[in-house]
Amino acid sequence: DIDVYEIKLDDEYLMSSLFTDAEIALADLGLAELS
């Protein structure tokens, strides 16, 4: 019961709002190393 946003390049899926855990973790894990 949600809207899903998807970006495609030709027939290849680049991004989907169904899967955001790793994209968020990229910022969280990287910035956690800095003070």
PDB file of all heavy atoms in Angstrom:
ATOM      1  N   ASP A   1       0.827  -1.206   0.000  1.00  0.00           N
ATOM      2  CA  ASP A   1       0.000   0.000   0.000  1.00  0.00           C
ATOM      3  C   ASP A   1       0.867   1.265   0.000  1.00  0.00           C
ATOM      4  O   ASP A   1       0.642   2.192   0.786  1.00  0.00           O
ATOM      5  CB  ASP A   1      -0.962  -0.005   1.194  1.00  0.00           C
ATOM      6  CG  ASP A   1      -2.081   1.036   1.045  1.00  0.00           C
ATOM      7  OD1 ASP A   1      -2.445   1.321  -0.114  1.00  0.00           O
ATOM      8  OD2 ASP A   1      -2.564   1.552   2.064  1.00  0.00           O
ATOM      9  N   ILE A   2       1.866   1.267  -0.891  1.00  0.00           N
ATOM     10  CA  ILE A   2       2.752   2.424  -0.989  1.00  0.00           C
ATOM     11  C   ILE A   2       3.015   2.734  -2.464  1.00  0.00           C
ATOM     12  O   ILE A   2       2.843   1.883  -3.340  1.00  0.00           O
ATOM     13  CB  ILE A   2       4.112   2.196  -0.292  1.00  0.00           C
ATOM     14  CG1 ILE A   2       4.845   1.003  -0.920  1.00  0.00           C
ATOM     15  CG2 ILE A   2       3.939   2.016   1.213  1.00  0.00           C
ATOM     16  CD1 ILE A   2       6.276   0.849  -0.445  1.00  0.00           C
ATOM     17  N   ASP A   3       3.442   3.967  -2.727  1.00  0.00           N
ATOM     18  CA  ASP A   3       3.951   4.340  -4.041  1.00  0.00           C
ATOM     19  C   ASP A   3       5.439   4.006  -4.099  1.00  0.00           C
ATOM     20  O   ASP A   3       6.190   4.283  -3.149  1.00  0.00           O
ATOM     21  CB  ASP A   3       3.756   5.830  -4.292  1.00  0.00           C
ATOM     22  CG  ASP A   3       2.319   6.182  -4.627  1.00  0.00           C
ATOM     23  OD1 ASP A   3       1.564   5.282  -5.023  1.00  0.00           O
ATOM     24  OD2 ASP A   3       1.959   7.364  -4.475  1.00  0.00           O
ATOM     25  N   VAL A   4       5.869   3.432  -5.211  1.00  0.00           N
ATOM     26  CA  VAL A   4       7.273   3.101  -5.435  1.00  0.00           C
ATOM     27  C   VAL A   4       7.772   3.927  -6.612  1.00  0.00           C
ATOM     28  O   VAL A   4       7.145   3.946  -7.674  1.00  0.00           O
ATOM     29  CB  VAL A   4       7.451   1.598  -5.725  1.00  0.00           C
ATOM     30  CG1 VAL A   4       8.906   1.289  -6.055  1.00  0.00           C
ATOM     31  CG2 VAL A   4       6.982   0.763  -4.537  1.00  0.00           C
ATOM     32  N   TYR A   5       8.908   4.609  -6.411  1.00  0.00           N
ATOM     33  CA  TYR A   5       9.535   5.401  -7.467  1.00  0.00           C
ATOM     34  C   TYR A   5      10.739   4.632  -8.004  1.00  0.00           C
ATOM     35  O   TYR A   5      11.549   4.109  -7.218  1.00  0.00           O
ATOM     36  CB  TYR A   5       9.975   6.759  -6.938  1.00  0.00           C
ATOM     37  CG  TYR A   5       8.820   7.670  -6.610  1.00  0.00           C
ATOM     38  CD1 TYR A   5       8.137   7.559  -5.405  1.00  0.00           C
ATOM     39  CD2 TYR A   5       8.396   8.642  -7.517  1.00  0.00           C
ATOM     40  CE1 TYR A   5       7.061   8.393  -5.105  1.00  0.00           C
ATOM     41  CE2 TYR A   5       7.329   9.485  -7.222  1.00  0.00           C
ATOM     42  CZ  TYR A   5       6.669   9.340  -6.025  1.00  0.00           C
ATOM     43  OH  TYR A   5       5.605  10.164  -5.738  1.00  0.00           O
ATOM     44  N   GLU A   6      10.846   4.590  -9.324  1.00  0.00           N
ATOM     45  CA  GLU A   6      11.918   3.828  -9.961  1.00  0.00           C
ATOM     46  C   GLU A   6      12.559   4.652 -11.073  1.00  0.00           C
ATOM     47  O   GLU A   6      11.869   5.351 -11.815  1.00  0.00           O
ATOM     48  CB  GLU A   6      11.367   2.526 -10.543  1.00  0.00           C
ATOM     49  CG  GLU A   6      10.820   1.587  -9.478  1.00  0.00           C
ATOM     50  CD  GLU A   6      10.019   0.431 -10.043  1.00  0.00           C
ATOM     51  OE1 GLU A   6       9.385   0.608 -11.109  1.00  0.00           O
ATOM     52  OE2 GLU A   6      10.023  -0.645  -9.410  1.00  0.00           O
ATOM     53  N   ILE A   7      13.883   4.552 -11.165  1.00  0.00           N
ATOM     54  CA  ILE A   7      14.641   5.178 -12.244  1.00  0.00           C
ATOM     55  C   ILE A   7      15.242   4.068 -13.087  1.00  0.00           C
ATOM     56  O   ILE A   7      15.887   3.143 -12.558  1.00  0.00           O
ATOM     57  CB  ILE A   7      15.749   6.094 -11.702  1.00  0.00           C
ATOM     58  CG1 ILE A   7      15.150   7.248 -10.886  1.00  0.00           C
ATOM     59  CG2 ILE A   7      16.595   6.645 -12.842  1.00  0.00           C
ATOM     60  CD1 ILE A   7      16.196   8.156 -10.234  1.00  0.00           C
ATOM     61  N   LYS A   8      15.030   4.160 -14.418  1.00  0.00           N
ATOM     62  CA  LYS A   8      15.577   3.165 -15.332  1.00  0.00           C
ATOM     63  C   LYS A   8      16.460   3.860 -16.375  1.00  0.00           C
ATOM     64  O   LYS A   8      16.187   4.995 -16.772  1.00  0.00           O
ATOM     65  CB  LYS A   8      14.458   2.408 -16.057  1.00  0.00           C
ATOM     66  CG  LYS A   8      13.611   1.524 -15.167  1.00  0.00           C
ATOM     67  CD  LYS A   8      12.531   0.802 -15.973  1.00  0.00           C
ATOM     68  CE  LYS A   8      13.138  -0.206 -16.932  1.00  0.00           C
ATOM     69  NZ  LYS A   8      12.097  -0.950 -17.690  1.00  0.00           N
ATOM     70  N   LEU A   9      17.512   3.183 -16.786  1.00  0.00           N
ATOM     71  CA  LEU A   9      18.349   3.612 -17.899  1.00  0.00           C
ATOM     72  C   LEU A   9      18.240   2.526 -18.955  1.00  0.00           C
ATOM     73  O   LEU A   9      18.705   1.398 -18.742  1.00  0.00           O
ATOM     74  CB  LEU A   9      19.796   3.807 -17.457  1.00  0.00           C
ATOM     75  CG  LEU A   9      20.753   4.383 -18.496  1.00  0.00           C
ATOM     76  CD1 LEU A   9      20.340   5.795 -18.897  1.00  0.00           C
ATOM     77  CD2 LEU A   9      22.181   4.383 -17.972  1.00  0.00           C
ATOM     78  N   ASP A  10      17.598   2.854 -20.067  1.00  0.00           N
ATOM     79  CA  ASP A  10      17.193   1.849 -21.043  1.00  0.00           C
ATOM     80  C   ASP A  10      16.343   0.804 -20.315  1.00  0.00           C
ATOM     81  O   ASP A  10      15.358   1.162 -19.697  1.00  0.00           O
ATOM     82  CB  ASP A  10      18.409   1.245 -21.749  1.00  0.00           C
ATOM     83  CG  ASP A  10      19.112   2.274 -22.639  1.00  0.00           C
ATOM     84  OD1 ASP A  10      18.426   3.156 -23.202  1.00  0.00           O
ATOM     85  OD2 ASP A  10      20.345   2.210 -22.756  1.00  0.00           O
ATOM     86  N   ASP A  11      16.729  -0.462 -20.347  1.00  0.00           N
ATOM     87  CA  ASP A  11      15.937  -1.496 -19.680  1.00  0.00           C
ATOM     88  C   ASP A  11      16.485  -1.869 -18.305  1.00  0.00           C
ATOM     89  O   ASP A  11      15.989  -2.816 -17.674  1.00  0.00           O
ATOM     90  CB  ASP A  11      15.876  -2.759 -20.557  1.00  0.00           C
ATOM     91  CG  ASP A  11      15.100  -2.541 -21.840  1.00  0.00           C
ATOM     92  OD1 ASP A  11      14.123  -1.760 -21.807  1.00  0.00           O
ATOM     93  OD2 ASP A  11      15.472  -3.134 -22.865  1.00  0.00           O
ATOM     94  N   GLU A  12      17.483  -1.131 -17.845  1.00  0.00           N
ATOM     95  CA  GLU A  12      18.152  -1.472 -16.588  1.00  0.00           C
ATOM     96  C   GLU A  12      17.637  -0.588 -15.453  1.00  0.00           C
ATOM     97  O   GLU A  12      17.551   0.632 -15.587  1.00  0.00           O
ATOM     98  CB  GLU A  12      19.656  -1.283 -16.741  1.00  0.00           C
ATOM     99  CG  GLU A  12      20.463  -1.763 -15.553  1.00  0.00           C
ATOM    100  CD  GLU A  12      21.949  -1.729 -15.850  1.00  0.00           C
ATOM    101  OE1 GLU A  12      22.355  -1.080 -16.830  1.00  0.00           O
ATOM    102  OE2 GLU A  12      22.709  -2.366 -15.094  1.00  0.00           O
ATOM    103  N   TYR A  13      17.290  -1.216 -14.325  1.00  0.00           N
ATOM    104  CA  TYR A  13      16.854  -0.467 -13.152  1.00  0.00           C
ATOM    105  C   TYR A  13      18.073   0.105 -12.430  1.00  0.00           C
ATOM    106  O   TYR A  13      18.995  -0.626 -12.069  1.00  0.00           O
ATOM    107  CB  TYR A  13      16.071  -1.371 -12.192  1.00  0.00           C
ATOM    108  CG  TYR A  13      14.683  -1.689 -12.669  1.00  0.00           C
ATOM    109  CD1 TYR A  13      14.441  -2.823 -13.451  1.00  0.00           C
ATOM    110  CD2 TYR A  13      13.604  -0.862 -12.372  1.00  0.00           C
ATOM    111  CE1 TYR A  13      13.166  -3.123 -13.906  1.00  0.00           C
ATOM    112  CE2 TYR A  13      12.325  -1.158 -12.820  1.00  0.00           C
ATOM    113  CZ  TYR A  13      12.114  -2.287 -13.586  1.00  0.00           C
ATOM    114  OH  TYR A  13      10.860  -2.569 -14.044  1.00  0.00           O
ATOM    115  N   LEU A  14      18.057   1.413 -12.209  1.00  0.00           N
ATOM    116  CA  LEU A  14      19.138   2.068 -11.472  1.00  0.00           C
ATOM    117  C   LEU A  14      18.797   2.238  -9.999  1.00  0.00           C
ATOM    118  O   LEU A  14      19.651   2.057  -9.136  1.00  0.00           O
ATOM    119  CB  LEU A  14      19.435   3.446 -12.077  1.00  0.00           C
ATOM    120  CG  LEU A  14      19.961   3.496 -13.505  1.00  0.00           C
ATOM    121  CD1 LEU A  14      20.295   4.931 -13.879  1.00  0.00           C
ATOM    122  CD2 LEU A  14      21.186   2.609 -13.671  1.00  0.00           C
ATOM    123  N   MET A  15      17.574   2.622  -9.711  1.00  0.00           N
ATOM    124  CA  MET A  15      17.173   2.949  -8.342  1.00  0.00           C
ATOM    125  C   MET A  15      15.714   2.580  -8.136  1.00  0.00           C
ATOM    126  O   MET A  15      14.904   2.698  -9.054  1.00  0.00           O
ATOM    127  CB  MET A  15      17.322   4.448  -8.059  1.00  0.00           C
ATOM    128  CG  MET A  15      18.737   4.959  -8.053  1.00  0.00           C
ATOM    129  SD  MET A  15      19.517   4.664  -6.455  1.00  0.00           S
ATOM    130  CE  MET A  15      21.125   5.398  -6.744  1.00  0.00           C
ATOM    131  N   SER A  16      15.394   2.158  -6.920  1.00  0.00           N
ATOM    132  CA  SER A  16      14.009   1.923  -6.532  1.00  0.00           C
ATOM    133  C   SER A  16      13.835   2.347  -5.085  1.00  0.00           C
ATOM    134  O   SER A  16      14.695   2.056  -4.235  1.00  0.00           O
ATOM    135  CB  SER A  16      13.631   0.442  -6.680  1.00  0.00           C
ATOM    136  OG  SER A  16      12.362   0.189  -6.102  1.00  0.00           O
ATOM    137  N   SER A  17      12.748   3.022  -4.801  1.00  0.00           N
ATOM    138  CA  SER A  17      12.488   3.432  -3.417  1.00  0.00           C
ATOM    139  C   SER A  17      12.072   2.256  -2.540  1.00  0.00           C
ATOM    140  O   SER A  17      11.903   2.427  -1.330  1.00  0.00           O
ATOM    141  CB  SER A  17      11.423   4.533  -3.378  1.00  0.00           C
ATOM    142  OG  SER A  17      10.200   4.084  -3.942  1.00  0.00           O
ATOM    143  N   LEU A  18      11.929   1.057  -3.125  1.00  0.00           N
ATOM    144  CA  LEU A  18      11.704  -0.141  -2.313  1.00  0.00           C
ATOM    145  C   LEU A  18      12.959  -0.527  -1.541  1.00  0.00           C
ATOM    146  O   LEU A  18      12.874  -1.162  -0.487  1.00  0.00           O
ATOM    147  CB  LEU A  18      11.298  -1.315  -3.206  1.00  0.00           C
ATOM    148  CG  LEU A  18       9.822  -1.592  -3.431  1.00  0.00           C
ATOM    149  CD1 LEU A  18       9.654  -2.812  -4.325  1.00  0.00           C
ATOM    150  CD2 LEU A  18       9.058  -1.776  -2.136  1.00  0.00           C
ATOM    151  N   PHE A  19      14.124  -0.169  -2.087  1.00  0.00           N
ATOM    152  CA  PHE A  19      15.388  -0.605  -1.502  1.00  0.00           C
ATOM    153  C   PHE A  19      16.249   0.619  -1.215  1.00  0.00           C
ATOM    154  O   PHE A  19      16.893   1.154  -2.129  1.00  0.00           O
ATOM    155  CB  PHE A  19      16.124  -1.540  -2.463  1.00  0.00           C
ATOM    156  CG  PHE A  19      15.266  -2.621  -3.047  1.00  0.00           C
ATOM    157  CD1 PHE A  19      14.810  -2.536  -4.347  1.00  0.00           C
ATOM    158  CD2 PHE A  19      14.893  -3.708  -2.292  1.00  0.00           C
ATOM    159  CE1 PHE A  19      14.016  -3.519  -4.892  1.00  0.00           C
ATOM    160  CE2 PHE A  19      14.095  -4.708  -2.817  1.00  0.00           C
ATOM    161  CZ  PHE A  19      13.649  -4.614  -4.126  1.00  0.00           C
ATOM    162  N   THR A  20      16.282   1.063   0.013  1.00  0.00           N
ATOM    163  CA  THR A  20      17.044   2.260   0.369  1.00  0.00           C
ATOM    164  C   THR A  20      18.020   2.022   1.521  1.00  0.00           C
ATOM    165  O   THR A  20      18.770   2.923   1.875  1.00  0.00           O
ATOM    166  CB  THR A  20      16.094   3.406   0.754  1.00  0.00           C
ATOM    167  OG1 THR A  20      15.318   3.023   1.907  1.00  0.00           O
ATOM    168  CG2 THR A  20      15.140   3.724  -0.397  1.00  0.00           C
ATOM    169  N   ASP A  21      18.012   0.817   2.100  1.00  0.00           N
ATOM    170  CA  ASP A  21      18.836   0.549   3.281  1.00  0.00           C
ATOM    171  C   ASP A  21      20.317   0.809   3.030  1.00  0.00           C
ATOM    172  O   ASP A  21      20.992   1.459   3.839  1.00  0.00           O
ATOM    173  CB  ASP A  21      18.655  -0.899   3.745  1.00  0.00           C
ATOM    174  CG  ASP A  21      17.227  -1.239   4.121  1.00  0.00           C
ATOM    175  OD1 ASP A  21      16.384  -1.288   3.198  1.00  0.00           O
ATOM    176  OD2 ASP A  21      16.945  -1.470   5.307  1.00  0.00           O
ATOM    177  N   ALA A  22      20.831   0.282   1.915  1.00  0.00           N
ATOM    178  CA  ALA A  22      22.264   0.418   1.658  1.00  0.00           C
ATOM    179  C   ALA A  22      22.637   1.856   1.325  1.00  0.00           C
ATOM    180  O   ALA A  22      23.710   2.329   1.718  1.00  0.00           O
ATOM    181  CB  ALA A  22      22.681  -0.514   0.526  1.00  0.00           C
ATOM    182  N   GLU A  23      21.755   2.570   0.603  1.00  0.00           N
ATOM    183  CA  GLU A  23      22.038   3.967   0.283  1.00  0.00           C
ATOM    184  C   GLU A  23      22.128   4.811   1.546  1.00  0.00           C
ATOM    185  O   GLU A  23      22.980   5.692   1.669  1.00  0.00           O
ATOM    186  CB  GLU A  23      20.949   4.528  -0.647  1.00  0.00           C
ATOM    187  CG  GLU A  23      21.026   4.014  -2.075  1.00  0.00           C
ATOM    188  CD  GLU A  23      20.252   2.715  -2.269  1.00  0.00           C
ATOM    189  OE1 GLU A  23      19.943   2.040  -1.259  1.00  0.00           O
ATOM    190  OE2 GLU A  23      19.969   2.385  -3.423  1.00  0.00           O
ATOM    191  N   ILE A  24      21.242   4.547   2.500  1.00  0.00           N
ATOM    192  CA  ILE A  24      21.274   5.260   3.782  1.00  0.00           C
ATOM    193  C   ILE A  24      22.506   4.849   4.589  1.00  0.00           C
ATOM    194  O   ILE A  24      23.197   5.689   5.186  1.00  0.00           O
ATOM    195  CB  ILE A  24      19.978   4.998   4.562  1.00  0.00           C
ATOM    196  CG1 ILE A  24      18.785   5.611   3.812  1.00  0.00           C
ATOM    197  CG2 ILE A  24      20.069   5.546   5.987  1.00  0.00           C
ATOM    198  CD1 ILE A  24      17.439   5.188   4.353  1.00  0.00           C
ATOM    199  N   ALA A  25      22.810   3.540   4.587  1.00  0.00           N
ATOM    200  CA  ALA A  25      23.980   3.044   5.322  1.00  0.00           C
ATOM    201  C   ALA A  25      25.269   3.647   4.785  1.00  0.00           C
ATOM    202  O   ALA A  25      26.219   3.859   5.543  1.00  0.00           O
ATOM    203  CB  ALA A  25      24.034   1.525   5.243  1.00  0.00           C
ATOM    204  N   LEU A  26      25.327   3.923   3.489  1.00  0.00           N
ATOM    205  CA  LEU A  26      26.519   4.532   2.907  1.00  0.00           C
ATOM    206  C   LEU A  26      26.864   5.837   3.618  1.00  0.00           C
ATOM    207  O   LEU A  26      28.022   6.064   4.000  1.00  0.00           O
ATOM    208  CB  LEU A  26      26.280   4.782   1.415  1.00  0.00           C
ATOM    209  CG  LEU A  26      27.340   5.582   0.667  1.00  0.00           C
ATOM    210  CD1 LEU A  26      28.680   4.855   0.670  1.00  0.00           C
ATOM    211  CD2 LEU A  26      26.888   5.838  -0.771  1.00  0.00           C
ATOM    212  N   ALA A  27      25.880   6.693   3.817  1.00  0.00           N
ATOM    213  CA  ALA A  27      26.122   7.953   4.520  1.00  0.00           C
ATOM    214  C   ALA A  27      26.347   7.730   6.008  1.00  0.00           C
ATOM    215  O   ALA A  27      27.264   8.307   6.600  1.00  0.00           O
ATOM    216  CB  ALA A  27      24.954   8.912   4.301  1.00  0.00           C
ATOM    217  N   ASP A  28      25.526   6.902   6.615  1.00  0.00           N
ATOM    218  CA  ASP A  28      25.636   6.691   8.062  1.00  0.00           C
ATOM    219  C   ASP A  28      26.978   6.097   8.449  1.00  0.00           C
ATOM    220  O   ASP A  28      27.625   6.559   9.407  1.00  0.00           O
ATOM    221  CB  ASP A  28      24.499   5.787   8.546  1.00  0.00           C
ATOM    222  CG  ASP A  28      23.133   6.460   8.505  1.00  0.00           C
ATOM    223  OD1 ASP A  28      23.085   7.697   8.337  1.00  0.00           O
ATOM    224  OD2 ASP A  28      22.126   5.748   8.635  1.00  0.00           O
ATOM    225  N   LEU A  29      27.427   5.062   7.723  1.00  0.00           N
ATOM    226  CA  LEU A  29      28.683   4.399   8.066  1.00  0.00           C
ATOM    227  C   LEU A  29      29.880   5.292   7.755  1.00  0.00           C
ATOM    228  O   LEU A  29      30.840   5.351   8.523  1.00  0.00           O
ATOM    229  CB  LEU A  29      28.802   3.081   7.311  1.00  0.00           C
ATOM    230  CG  LEU A  29      27.813   1.984   7.714  1.00  0.00           C
ATOM    231  CD1 LEU A  29      27.904   0.807   6.743  1.00  0.00           C
ATOM    232  CD2 LEU A  29      28.091   1.513   9.137  1.00  0.00           C
ATOM    233  N   GLY A  30      29.825   5.990   6.623  1.00  0.00           N
ATOM    234  CA  GLY A  30      30.940   6.854   6.274  1.00  0.00           C
ATOM    235  C   GLY A  30      31.107   8.018   7.227  1.00  0.00           C
ATOM    236  O   GLY A  30      32.213   8.290   7.716  1.00  0.00           O
ATOM    237  N   LEU A  31      30.009   8.698   7.540  1.00  0.00           N
ATOM    238  CA  LEU A  31      30.103   9.884   8.385  1.00  0.00           C
ATOM    239  C   LEU A  31      30.326   9.537   9.853  1.00  0.00           C
ATOM    240  O   LEU A  31      30.845  10.362  10.615  1.00  0.00           O
ATOM    241  CB  LEU A  31      28.840  10.729   8.222  1.00  0.00           C
ATOM    242  CG  LEU A  31      28.619  11.274   6.807  1.00  0.00           C
ATOM    243  CD1 LEU A  31      27.338  12.103   6.751  1.00  0.00           C
ATOM    244  CD2 LEU A  31      29.808  12.092   6.334  1.00  0.00           C
ATOM    245  N   ALA A  32      29.965   8.316  10.259  1.00  0.00           N
ATOM    246  CA  ALA A  32      30.194   7.905  11.647  1.00  0.00           C
ATOM    247  C   ALA A  32      31.681   7.845  11.983  1.00  0.00           C
ATOM    248  O   ALA A  32      32.061   7.875  13.164  1.00  0.00           O
ATOM    249  CB  ALA A  32      29.549   6.544  11.902  1.00  0.00           C
ATOM    250  N   GLU A  33      32.534   7.770  10.962  1.00  0.00           N
ATOM    251  CA  GLU A  33      33.972   7.694  11.182  1.00  0.00           C
ATOM    252  C   GLU A  33      34.594   9.051  11.476  1.00  0.00           C
ATOM    253  O   GLU A  33      35.778   9.133  11.827  1.00  0.00           O
ATOM    254  CB  GLU A  33      34.643   7.096   9.939  1.00  0.00           C
ATOM    255  CG  GLU A  33      34.274   5.660   9.653  1.00  0.00           C
ATOM    256  CD  GLU A  33      34.774   4.733  10.746  1.00  0.00           C
ATOM    257  OE1 GLU A  33      35.960   4.826  11.117  1.00  0.00           O
ATOM    258  OE2 GLU A  33      33.961   3.925  11.233  1.00  0.00           O
ATOM    259  N   LEU A  34      33.819  10.124  11.325  1.00  0.00           N
ATOM    260  CA  LEU A  34      34.361  11.471  11.462  1.00  0.00           C
ATOM    261  C   LEU A  34      33.886  12.136  12.746  1.00  0.00           C
ATOM    262  O   LEU A  34      32.769  11.882  13.205  1.00  0.00           O
ATOM    263  CB  LEU A  34      33.942  12.324  10.265  1.00  0.00           C
ATOM    264  CG  LEU A  34      34.480  11.874   8.904  1.00  0.00           C
ATOM    265  CD1 LEU A  34      33.774  12.614   7.782  1.00  0.00           C
ATOM    266  CD2 LEU A  34      35.990  12.082   8.827  1.00  0.00           C
ATOM    267  N   SER A  35      34.722  12.984  13.297  1.00  0.00           N
ATOM    268  CA  SER A  35      34.340  13.783  14.457  1.00  0.00           C
ATOM    269  C   SER A  35      34.379  15.255  14.066  1.00  0.00           C
ATOM    270  O   SER A  35      34.869  15.619  12.997  1.00  0.00           O
ATOM    271  CB  SER A  35      35.284  13.521  15.631  1.00  0.00           C
ATOM    272  OG  SER A  35      36.625  13.815  15.267  1.00  0.00           O
TER     273      SER A  35
END
